[in-house]
């Protein structure tokens, strides 16, 4: 199933994906040669779903691993909008950066958005996993949480564990 989201004129898919290391922390997986970001999303009562996200002119294309109902599709769209910060107005930030010649490229390139997880809980856990350790250890801890506690999606990929699963 294909879903599409229109993006703001100043949105840069590649810069957002590569904004920091989240794109390589499970349940994200990033394929650099094709510029496809894979993600497993929790859907609540039903089995998690795997999505593949790619940028296209003026939008984002989402391919789901299986057909999704109306409510699931709405949640997928809401989660992807959140992950890419598509509803955030970047105008004030871009205005501030263009006043300094060293930072003028930020607005011109559509930089400034940081990829985030679909939930604050996941971002918080991942941030804790980055504290006082190497990036390799962060990757190992997040991989362990997902592999041991995450619910399985299509093709064997796993979602990030919910607070209840972690408790």
C-alpha atoms as a PDB file:
ATOM      1  CA  UNK A   1       0.000   0.000   0.000  1.00  0.00           C
ATOM      2  CA  UNK A   2       1.352   3.441  -0.912  1.00  0.00           C
ATOM      3  CA  UNK A   3       0.728   6.598   1.105  1.00  0.00           C
ATOM      4  CA  UNK A   4       1.919  10.092   0.239  1.00  0.00           C
ATOM      5  CA  UNK A   5       2.512  13.214   2.301  1.00  0.00           C
ATOM      6  CA  UNK A   6       3.040  16.674   0.852  1.00  0.00           C
ATOM      7  CA  UNK A   7       5.999  18.476   2.380  1.00  0.00           C
ATOM      8  CA  UNK A   8       6.778  22.158   2.899  1.00  0.00           C
ATOM      9  CA  UNK A   9       8.683  23.846   0.081  1.00  0.00           C
ATOM     10  CA  UNK A  10      11.797  24.117   2.263  1.00  0.00           C
ATOM     11  CA  UNK A  11      11.804  20.442   3.345  1.00  0.00           C
ATOM     12  CA  UNK A  12      14.904  18.380   2.580  1.00  0.00           C
ATOM     13  CA  UNK A  13      14.367  14.622   3.010  1.00  0.00           C
ATOM     14  CA  UNK A  14      18.048  13.693   2.830  1.00  0.00           C
ATOM     15  CA  UNK A  15      19.204  16.314   5.317  1.00  0.00           C
ATOM     16  CA  UNK A  16      16.488  15.325   7.776  1.00  0.00           C
ATOM     17  CA  UNK A  17      17.275  11.604   7.549  1.00  0.00           C
ATOM     18  CA  UNK A  18      20.987  12.265   8.044  1.00  0.00           C
ATOM     19  CA  UNK A  19      20.517  15.002  10.678  1.00  0.00           C
ATOM     20  CA  UNK A  20      21.961  12.721  13.359  1.00  0.00           C
ATOM     21  CA  UNK A  21      22.325   9.025  14.068  1.00  0.00           C
ATOM     22  CA  UNK A  22      18.681   8.105  14.738  1.00  0.00           C
ATOM     23  CA  UNK A  23      18.316   6.766  11.178  1.00  0.00           C
ATOM     24  CA  UNK A  24      20.558   3.803  12.032  1.00  0.00           C
ATOM     25  CA  UNK A  25      19.075   2.996  15.442  1.00  0.00           C
ATOM     26  CA  UNK A  26      16.430   0.257  15.345  1.00  0.00           C
ATOM     27  CA  UNK A  27      13.642   0.062  14.536  1.00  0.00           C
ATOM     28  CA  UNK A  28      14.920   2.494  11.891  1.00  0.00           C
ATOM     29  CA  UNK A  29      17.141   1.067   9.150  1.00  0.00           C
ATOM     30  CA  UNK A  30      18.660   3.232   6.456  1.00  0.00           C
ATOM     31  CA  UNK A  31      19.726   2.104   2.996  1.00  0.00           C
ATOM     32  CA  UNK A  32      22.031   4.860   1.770  1.00  0.00           C
ATOM     33  CA  UNK A  33      22.406   3.681  -1.860  1.00  0.00           C
ATOM     34  CA  UNK A  34      18.628   3.925  -2.407  1.00  0.00           C
ATOM     35  CA  UNK A  35      17.915   6.625   0.204  1.00  0.00           C
ATOM     36  CA  UNK A  36      15.125   4.549   1.717  1.00  0.00           C
ATOM     37  CA  UNK A  37      14.423   4.739   5.437  1.00  0.00           C
ATOM     38  CA  UNK A  38      12.733   1.637   6.825  1.00  0.00           C
ATOM     39  CA  UNK A  39      10.826   1.796  10.083  1.00  0.00           C
ATOM     40  CA  UNK A  40       8.609  -0.509  12.131  1.00  0.00           C
ATOM     41  CA  UNK A  41       5.619   1.243  13.685  1.00  0.00           C
ATOM     42  CA  UNK A  42       3.410   0.069  16.513  1.00  0.00           C
ATOM     43  CA  UNK A  43      -0.281   0.087  15.613  1.00  0.00           C
ATOM     44  CA  UNK A  44      -1.689  -0.698  19.039  1.00  0.00           C
ATOM     45  CA  UNK A  45      -3.823  -3.825  19.168  1.00  0.00           C
ATOM     46  CA  UNK A  46      -2.794  -5.116  15.728  1.00  0.00           C
ATOM     47  CA  UNK A  47       0.623  -6.410  14.704  1.00  0.00           C
ATOM     48  CA  UNK A  48       3.279  -3.704  14.067  1.00  0.00           C
ATOM     49  CA  UNK A  49       3.781  -2.684  10.445  1.00  0.00           C
ATOM     50  CA  UNK A  50       6.979  -2.132   8.469  1.00  0.00           C
ATOM     51  CA  UNK A  51       7.108   0.961   6.287  1.00  0.00           C
ATOM     52  CA  UNK A  52       9.640   2.165   3.743  1.00  0.00           C
ATOM     53  CA  UNK A  53       9.949   5.941   3.471  1.00  0.00           C
ATOM     54  CA  UNK A  54      11.508   7.807   0.564  1.00  0.00           C
ATOM     55  CA  UNK A  55      11.607  11.397  -0.568  1.00  0.00           C
ATOM     56  CA  UNK A  56      10.144  12.589  -3.812  1.00  0.00           C
ATOM     57  CA  UNK A  57       9.660  16.039  -5.265  1.00  0.00           C
ATOM     58  CA  UNK A  58       7.287  17.916  -2.994  1.00  0.00           C
ATOM     59  CA  UNK A  59       6.577  14.978  -0.749  1.00  0.00           C
ATOM     60  CA  UNK A  60       7.310  11.757   1.051  1.00  0.00           C
ATOM     61  CA  UNK A  61       6.298   8.327  -0.246  1.00  0.00           C
ATOM     62  CA  UNK A  62       5.475   5.610   2.284  1.00  0.00           C
ATOM     63  CA  UNK A  63       5.198   1.967   1.233  1.00  0.00           C
ATOM     64  CA  UNK A  64       3.628  -0.355   3.773  1.00  0.00           C
ATOM     65  CA  UNK A  65       4.492  -4.044   4.130  1.00  0.00           C
ATOM     66  CA  UNK A  66       0.803  -4.943   4.086  1.00  0.00           C
ATOM     67  CA  UNK A  67      -2.539  -3.298   3.488  1.00  0.00           C
ATOM     68  CA  UNK A  68      -3.555  -0.996   6.323  1.00  0.00           C
ATOM     69  CA  UNK A  69      -7.075   0.002   7.297  1.00  0.00           C
ATOM     70  CA  UNK A  70      -8.214   3.609   7.505  1.00  0.00           C
ATOM     71  CA  UNK A  71      -7.287   4.115  11.178  1.00  0.00           C
ATOM     72  CA  UNK A  72      -3.912   2.402  10.758  1.00  0.00           C
ATOM     73  CA  UNK A  73      -3.159   4.510   7.652  1.00  0.00           C
ATOM     74  CA  UNK A  74      -4.048   7.681   9.569  1.00  0.00           C
ATOM     75  CA  UNK A  75      -1.694   6.658  12.385  1.00  0.00           C
ATOM     76  CA  UNK A  76       1.101   5.893   9.922  1.00  0.00           C
ATOM     77  CA  UNK A  77       0.689   9.311   8.291  1.00  0.00           C
ATOM     78  CA  UNK A  78       0.557  11.043  11.694  1.00  0.00           C
ATOM     79  CA  UNK A  79       3.686   9.204  12.889  1.00  0.00           C
ATOM     80  CA  UNK A  80       5.671  10.003   9.728  1.00  0.00           C
ATOM     81  CA  UNK A  81       4.628  13.673   9.883  1.00  0.00           C
ATOM     82  CA  UNK A  82       5.841  13.712  13.483  1.00  0.00           C
ATOM     83  CA  UNK A  83       9.132  11.913  12.744  1.00  0.00           C
ATOM     84  CA  UNK A  84      10.016  14.405  10.009  1.00  0.00           C
ATOM     85  CA  UNK A  85       8.605  17.443  11.884  1.00  0.00           C
ATOM     86  CA  UNK A  86       6.481  18.357   8.898  1.00  0.00           C
ATOM     87  CA  UNK A  87       4.011  20.406  10.919  1.00  0.00           C
ATOM     88  CA  UNK A  88       6.638  22.624  12.519  1.00  0.00           C
ATOM     89  CA  UNK A  89       7.014  26.136  11.164  1.00  0.00           C
ATOM     90  CA  UNK A  90      10.704  26.680  10.487  1.00  0.00           C
ATOM     91  CA  UNK A  91      10.314  30.314   9.299  1.00  0.00           C
ATOM     92  CA  UNK A  92      11.694  31.983  12.459  1.00  0.00           C
ATOM     93  CA  UNK A  93      14.633  29.580  12.559  1.00  0.00           C
ATOM     94  CA  UNK A  94      15.446  30.151   8.899  1.00  0.00           C
ATOM     95  CA  UNK A  95      15.138  33.906   9.318  1.00  0.00           C
ATOM     96  CA  UNK A  96      17.596  33.800  12.222  1.00  0.00           C
ATOM     97  CA  UNK A  97      20.127  31.706  10.296  1.00  0.00           C
ATOM     98  CA  UNK A  98      20.029  33.759   7.085  1.00  0.00           C
ATOM     99  CA  UNK A  99      21.173  36.876   8.958  1.00  0.00           C
ATOM    100  CA  UNK A 100      24.601  35.272   9.494  1.00  0.00           C
ATOM    101  CA  UNK A 101      26.539  34.524   6.279  1.00  0.00           C
ATOM    102  CA  UNK A 102      28.119  31.422   7.835  1.00  0.00           C
ATOM    103  CA  UNK A 103      24.685  29.915   8.477  1.00  0.00           C
ATOM    104  CA  UNK A 104      22.760  31.165   5.430  1.00  0.00           C
ATOM    105  CA  UNK A 105      23.167  27.744   3.797  1.00  0.00           C
ATOM    106  CA  UNK A 106      20.801  26.210   6.379  1.00  0.00           C
ATOM    107  CA  UNK A 107      17.666  27.865   4.974  1.00  0.00           C
ATOM    108  CA  UNK A 108      18.895  27.555   1.399  1.00  0.00           C
ATOM    109  CA  UNK A 109      19.448  23.800   1.820  1.00  0.00           C
ATOM    110  CA  UNK A 110      16.312  23.121   3.882  1.00  0.00           C
ATOM    111  CA  UNK A 111      18.371  21.907   6.830  1.00  0.00           C
ATOM    112  CA  UNK A 112      17.474  22.246  10.501  1.00  0.00           C
ATOM    113  CA  UNK A 113      14.954  19.486  11.068  1.00  0.00           C
ATOM    114  CA  UNK A 114      16.066  16.529  13.189  1.00  0.00           C
ATOM    115  CA  UNK A 115      14.643  13.087  12.558  1.00  0.00           C
ATOM    116  CA  UNK A 116      12.843  11.866  15.638  1.00  0.00           C
ATOM    117  CA  UNK A 117      11.001   8.776  16.764  1.00  0.00           C
ATOM    118  CA  UNK A 118       7.213   8.511  16.625  1.00  0.00           C
ATOM    119  CA  UNK A 119       7.007   8.762  20.428  1.00  0.00           C
ATOM    120  CA  UNK A 120       8.679  10.918  23.051  1.00  0.00           C
ATOM    121  CA  UNK A 121       9.195   7.746  25.098  1.00  0.00           C
ATOM    122  CA  UNK A 122      11.355   6.189  22.379  1.00  0.00           C
ATOM    123  CA  UNK A 123      13.380   9.375  21.918  1.00  0.00           C
ATOM    124  CA  UNK A 124      13.918   9.590  25.673  1.00  0.00           C
ATOM    125  CA  UNK A 125      15.091   5.973  25.959  1.00  0.00           C
ATOM    126  CA  UNK A 126      17.438   6.406  22.995  1.00  0.00           C
ATOM    127  CA  UNK A 127      18.806   9.640  24.458  1.00  0.00           C
ATOM    128  CA  UNK A 128      19.509   7.862  27.749  1.00  0.00           C
ATOM    129  CA  UNK A 129      21.287   5.138  25.751  1.00  0.00           C
ATOM    130  CA  UNK A 130      23.665   7.796  24.330  1.00  0.00           C
ATOM    131  CA  UNK A 131      24.727   9.081  27.756  1.00  0.00           C
ATOM    132  CA  UNK A 132      28.326   8.531  28.870  1.00  0.00           C
ATOM    133  CA  UNK A 133      29.106   5.839  26.330  1.00  0.00           C
ATOM    134  CA  UNK A 134      30.344   5.313  22.794  1.00  0.00           C
ATOM    135  CA  UNK A 135      28.009   5.336  19.801  1.00  0.00           C
ATOM    136  CA  UNK A 136      28.754   1.626  19.297  1.00  0.00           C
ATOM    137  CA  UNK A 137      27.448   0.903  22.786  1.00  0.00           C
ATOM    138  CA  UNK A 138      24.362   3.048  22.099  1.00  0.00           C
ATOM    139  CA  UNK A 139      23.663   0.963  18.986  1.00  0.00           C
ATOM    140  CA  UNK A 140      24.139  -2.258  20.958  1.00  0.00           C
ATOM    141  CA  UNK A 141      21.781  -1.182  23.757  1.00  0.00           C
ATOM    142  CA  UNK A 142      19.017  -0.034  21.402  1.00  0.00           C
ATOM    143  CA  UNK A 143      19.387  -3.181  19.271  1.00  0.00           C
ATOM    144  CA  UNK A 144      19.079  -5.286  22.429  1.00  0.00           C
ATOM    145  CA  UNK A 145      15.925  -3.480  23.573  1.00  0.00           C
ATOM    146  CA  UNK A 146      14.278  -3.872  20.175  1.00  0.00           C
ATOM    147  CA  UNK A 147      15.336  -7.512  19.685  1.00  0.00           C
ATOM    148  CA  UNK A 148      14.399  -8.676  23.183  1.00  0.00           C
ATOM    149  CA  UNK A 149      11.269  -6.635  23.910  1.00  0.00           C
ATOM    150  CA  UNK A 150       9.878  -5.354  20.594  1.00  0.00           C
ATOM    151  CA  UNK A 151       6.839  -6.913  18.944  1.00  0.00           C
ATOM    152  CA  UNK A 152       7.434  -8.541  15.563  1.00  0.00           C
ATOM    153  CA  UNK A 153       6.257  -7.020  12.319  1.00  0.00           C
ATOM    154  CA  UNK A 154       6.206  -8.422   8.815  1.00  0.00           C
ATOM    155  CA  UNK A 155       9.427 -10.054   7.677  1.00  0.00           C
ATOM    156  CA  UNK A 156      10.788 -10.446  11.207  1.00  0.00           C
ATOM    157  CA  UNK A 157      11.581  -6.805  11.942  1.00  0.00           C
ATOM    158  CA  UNK A 158      10.625  -5.596  15.396  1.00  0.00           C
ATOM    159  CA  UNK A 159       9.079  -2.419  16.747  1.00  0.00           C
ATOM    160  CA  UNK A 160      10.504  -0.345  19.580  1.00  0.00           C
ATOM    161  CA  UNK A 161       9.138  -1.708  22.854  1.00  0.00           C
ATOM    162  CA  UNK A 162       6.296   0.144  24.501  1.00  0.00           C
ATOM    163  CA  UNK A 163       6.632   1.399  28.079  1.00  0.00           C
ATOM    164  CA  UNK A 164       4.457  -1.549  29.159  1.00  0.00           C
ATOM    165  CA  UNK A 165       6.729  -4.030  27.342  1.00  0.00           C
ATOM    166  CA  UNK A 166       9.796  -2.527  28.998  1.00  0.00           C
ATOM    167  CA  UNK A 167       8.188  -2.577  32.469  1.00  0.00           C
END
